[in-house]
Protein backbone atom coordinates (compact mmCIF):
# COMPACT_ATOMS: atom_id res chain seq x y z
CA MET A 1 97.74 127.68 74.32
CA PRO A 2 98.13 124.45 76.35
CA SER A 3 95.32 123.71 78.77
CA GLU A 4 96.02 124.07 82.48
CA ASP A 5 96.23 120.99 84.66
CA PRO A 6 93.26 121.03 87.11
CA ALA A 7 95.58 119.79 89.87
CA ASP A 8 97.81 122.83 89.39
CA ARG A 9 94.78 125.11 89.43
CA SER A 10 93.36 123.55 92.66
CA ALA A 11 96.75 123.89 94.38
CA ARG A 12 96.76 127.69 94.00
CA LEU A 13 95.75 130.00 96.78
CA PRO A 14 92.12 131.15 96.40
CA GLY A 15 91.83 134.58 94.89
CA THR A 16 95.51 134.94 93.98
CA GLY A 17 96.23 132.40 91.28
CA ARG A 18 99.51 131.63 93.07
CA PRO A 19 100.47 128.21 94.53
CA PRO A 20 100.64 128.07 98.34
CA PRO A 21 104.08 128.51 99.92
CA GLU A 22 106.08 125.37 100.65
CA PRO A 23 105.43 125.40 104.45
CA GLU A 24 101.69 125.48 103.77
CA VAL A 25 101.97 122.59 101.32
CA GLU A 26 103.87 120.55 103.90
CA ARG A 27 101.27 121.40 106.57
CA LEU A 28 98.49 120.22 104.29
CA ARG A 29 100.35 117.01 103.51
CA GLU A 30 100.83 116.36 107.21
CA GLU A 31 97.12 116.95 107.80
CA VAL A 32 96.24 114.46 105.06
CA ARG A 33 98.57 111.88 106.64
CA ARG A 34 97.01 112.45 110.05
CA LEU A 35 93.48 112.08 108.72
CA THR A 36 94.44 108.94 106.78
CA GLU A 37 95.84 107.36 109.95
CA GLU A 38 92.73 108.37 111.91
CA ILE A 39 90.44 106.84 109.27
CA GLY A 40 92.47 103.60 109.41
CA PHE A 41 92.15 103.51 113.20
CA LEU A 42 88.38 104.10 113.02
CA ARG A 43 88.02 101.31 110.44
CA LEU A 44 89.91 98.97 112.76
CA GLN A 45 87.59 99.91 115.61
CA LEU A 46 84.55 99.33 113.39
CA ASP A 47 85.85 95.90 112.34
CA THR A 48 86.36 95.00 116.00
CA LEU A 49 82.90 96.19 117.02
CA THR A 50 81.25 94.20 114.23
CA THR A 51 82.82 90.91 115.39
CA THR A 52 83.06 91.34 119.19
CA ASP A 53 80.41 91.19 121.90
CA PRO A 54 80.91 94.39 123.94
CA GLU A 55 79.64 92.90 127.22
CA THR A 56 81.90 89.84 127.37
CA GLY A 57 84.73 90.48 124.95
CA LEU A 58 83.89 87.20 123.20
CA LEU A 59 83.08 86.93 119.52
CA ASN A 60 79.55 87.89 118.54
CA ARG A 61 77.54 86.09 115.86
CA ASN A 62 79.42 87.82 113.03
CA GLY A 63 82.74 86.89 114.60
CA LEU A 64 81.59 83.31 115.09
CA VAL A 65 80.60 82.99 111.43
CA GLU A 66 84.05 84.30 110.43
CA ALA A 67 85.73 81.76 112.74
CA ILE A 68 83.67 78.92 111.20
CA GLU A 69 84.60 80.14 107.71
CA MET A 70 88.29 80.03 108.68
CA ALA A 71 87.87 76.48 110.02
CA LEU A 72 86.14 75.44 106.77
CA GLU A 73 88.97 76.94 104.71
CA ARG A 74 91.50 75.05 106.83
CA LEU A 75 89.48 71.88 106.32
CA ASP A 76 89.63 72.45 102.55
CA ARG A 77 93.39 73.07 102.48
CA LEU A 78 94.67 70.65 105.12
CA ALA A 79 91.82 68.15 105.60
CA GLU A 80 91.76 68.99 109.31
CA PRO A 81 88.35 68.43 110.94
CA PHE A 82 86.90 70.85 113.46
CA ALA A 83 84.15 70.87 116.04
CA LEU A 84 81.51 73.44 116.89
CA THR A 85 80.08 73.23 120.40
CA GLY A 86 76.91 75.00 121.48
CA VAL A 87 76.19 75.86 125.11
CA HIS A 88 72.58 76.77 125.91
CA LEU A 89 71.77 78.13 129.39
CA PRO A 90 67.96 78.55 129.49
CA GLY A 91 67.85 80.11 132.96
CA LEU A 92 70.58 82.69 132.42
CA PRO A 93 68.31 85.63 131.40
CA GLU A 94 66.09 85.14 134.45
CA LEU A 95 69.15 84.96 136.71
CA ALA A 96 70.53 88.16 135.16
CA ALA A 97 67.14 89.88 135.48
CA ALA A 98 67.12 89.17 139.23
CA ASP A 99 69.95 91.68 139.62
CA PRO A 100 70.10 93.91 136.52
CA ALA A 101 72.98 95.93 137.97
CA ARG A 102 75.19 92.86 137.87
CA ARG A 103 73.98 91.43 134.56
CA SER A 104 77.18 92.19 132.66
CA GLU A 105 79.27 90.80 135.51
CA LEU A 106 77.35 87.52 135.38
CA LEU A 107 77.78 87.26 131.61
CA ARG A 108 81.51 87.92 131.92
CA HIS A 109 81.72 85.26 134.64
CA VAL A 110 80.14 82.64 132.37
CA ALA A 111 82.37 83.78 129.49
CA ALA A 112 85.46 83.36 131.68
CA LEU A 113 84.39 79.85 132.73
CA LEU A 114 83.92 78.81 129.10
CA THR A 115 87.21 80.33 128.00
CA ALA A 116 89.03 78.45 130.76
CA CYS A 117 87.64 75.15 129.44
CA VAL A 118 89.05 75.42 125.93
CA ARG A 119 92.41 75.60 124.19
CA GLY A 120 94.17 78.81 123.28
CA LEU A 121 93.47 78.36 119.57
CA ASP A 122 89.73 77.80 120.11
CA ARG A 123 87.31 80.71 119.61
CA VAL A 124 84.47 81.36 122.06
CA ALA A 125 81.40 83.37 121.07
CA ARG A 126 78.21 84.68 122.63
CA LEU A 127 75.21 84.36 120.34
CA ASP A 128 72.44 85.76 122.52
CA GLU A 129 71.26 86.09 126.12
CA ARG A 130 71.43 82.35 126.76
CA THR A 131 73.59 80.78 124.03
CA PHE A 132 77.35 80.50 123.61
CA ALA A 133 79.48 78.58 121.11
CA VAL A 134 83.05 77.31 120.72
CA VAL A 135 84.88 76.73 117.44
CA ALA A 136 87.60 74.11 117.98
CA PRO A 137 89.79 73.74 114.87
CA THR A 138 92.14 70.80 114.30
CA ILE A 139 90.66 68.61 117.01
CA SER A 140 90.01 64.87 117.09
CA ARG A 141 86.68 63.37 118.19
CA ARG A 142 88.34 61.98 121.31
CA ASP A 143 89.90 65.31 122.32
CA HIS A 144 86.68 67.13 121.65
CA LEU A 145 84.72 64.77 123.89
CA VAL A 146 87.25 65.51 126.63
CA GLN A 147 86.66 69.23 126.08
CA LEU A 148 82.89 68.75 126.05
CA ASN A 149 82.97 66.89 129.37
CA ARG A 150 85.14 69.64 130.85
CA ILE A 151 82.65 72.31 129.80
CA ARG A 152 79.74 70.30 131.22
CA SER A 153 81.55 69.65 134.51
CA VAL A 154 82.53 73.27 135.03
CA LEU A 155 79.16 74.79 134.11
CA THR A 156 77.17 72.30 136.20
CA ALA A 157 79.39 72.69 139.29
CA ALA A 158 77.78 74.10 142.41
CA THR A 159 80.12 77.10 142.28
CA VAL A 160 79.30 78.07 138.71
CA VAL A 161 77.38 81.14 139.92
CA PRO A 162 79.04 82.71 142.98
CA GLU A 163 76.87 83.73 145.93
CA GLU A 164 77.42 87.40 145.17
CA LEU A 165 75.95 86.82 141.67
CA GLY A 166 72.94 84.85 142.80
CA GLY A 167 74.41 81.56 144.01
CA ARG A 168 72.35 79.32 141.70
CA ASP A 169 73.15 76.31 139.57
CA LEU A 170 72.63 76.55 135.84
CA ASP A 171 70.59 74.31 133.57
CA VAL A 172 73.13 73.41 130.88
CA ARG A 173 72.21 72.11 127.39
CA LEU A 174 75.06 71.09 125.08
CA ALA A 175 75.33 70.17 121.42
CA VAL A 176 78.29 69.40 119.18
CA VAL A 177 78.74 69.38 115.41
CA VAL A 178 81.93 67.66 114.24
CA VAL A 179 82.76 68.59 110.63
CA GLU A 180 85.13 66.25 108.81
CA ALA A 181 84.41 67.24 105.19
CA ARG A 182 83.11 70.50 103.78
CA ARG A 183 80.75 69.21 101.07
CA ASP A 184 80.03 72.79 99.93
CA ARG A 185 78.60 73.79 103.31
CA THR A 186 78.67 77.45 104.27
CA ALA A 187 79.48 78.76 107.74
CA GLU A 188 75.84 79.78 108.23
CA GLU A 189 74.70 76.25 107.36
CA VAL A 190 77.10 74.72 109.90
CA LEU A 191 75.87 77.18 112.53
CA GLY A 192 72.28 76.27 111.63
CA MET A 193 73.09 72.59 112.21
CA LEU A 194 74.38 73.47 115.68
CA LEU A 195 71.33 75.53 116.63
CA GLU A 196 69.01 72.72 115.49
CA ALA A 197 70.99 70.25 117.60
CA LEU A 198 70.78 72.58 120.61
CA GLY A 199 67.02 72.60 120.21
CA ARG A 200 67.02 68.81 120.62
CA ALA A 201 69.43 68.71 123.55
CA GLY A 202 68.15 68.16 127.07
CA PRO A 203 69.61 68.61 130.56
CA GLY A 204 72.53 66.19 130.97
CA ARG A 205 71.98 64.84 127.43
CA PRO A 206 74.34 66.44 124.89
CA GLU A 207 73.32 66.23 121.26
CA LEU A 208 76.15 65.03 119.01
CA VAL A 209 76.09 65.51 115.22
CA LEU A 210 78.84 63.87 113.18
CA SER A 211 78.95 65.60 109.81
CA PRO A 212 81.02 63.51 107.37
């Protein structure tokens, strides 16, 4: 006697040995489709949460590393250099702590200022309570210096922190890494170069690293 297909056996109604009626089969198929779509949506949400800072809507560290990886891949394929700018605001946590209820509003304000300073194809990220970064693909040294000066001018302006958010100026430290050849560097290594440069930067004295 031929053996029974396990799939046929599992499709039968429990306790009867008979397959379910066609309407029931269609209902089960529809349920599987619905659950599959729901799982896909939840995966998309998870991917978004793992690369996005929930307070500002900017990229988080994971998202920044992905953006650097994309810039490195573009550099490999098209020989297009890119720049990574770091923005360090040492006094930001203290300013936010002065009015905890408006902390997120202050962070979003700084994020909006930074986003307004860059091009549409650039990616802005928040690394921690006082550090932000910008990945600028396909940009020349000259154009990036223009962008750097714009960021410095906007963040050091007297109106950078509105009166309702504390009304204080910000101490701004800037660093730039311009990458013109990959040389087997990873995204984490490029980010490490930026963080080291930020550690050397002082008020009004950007640290520039040209990485051939």
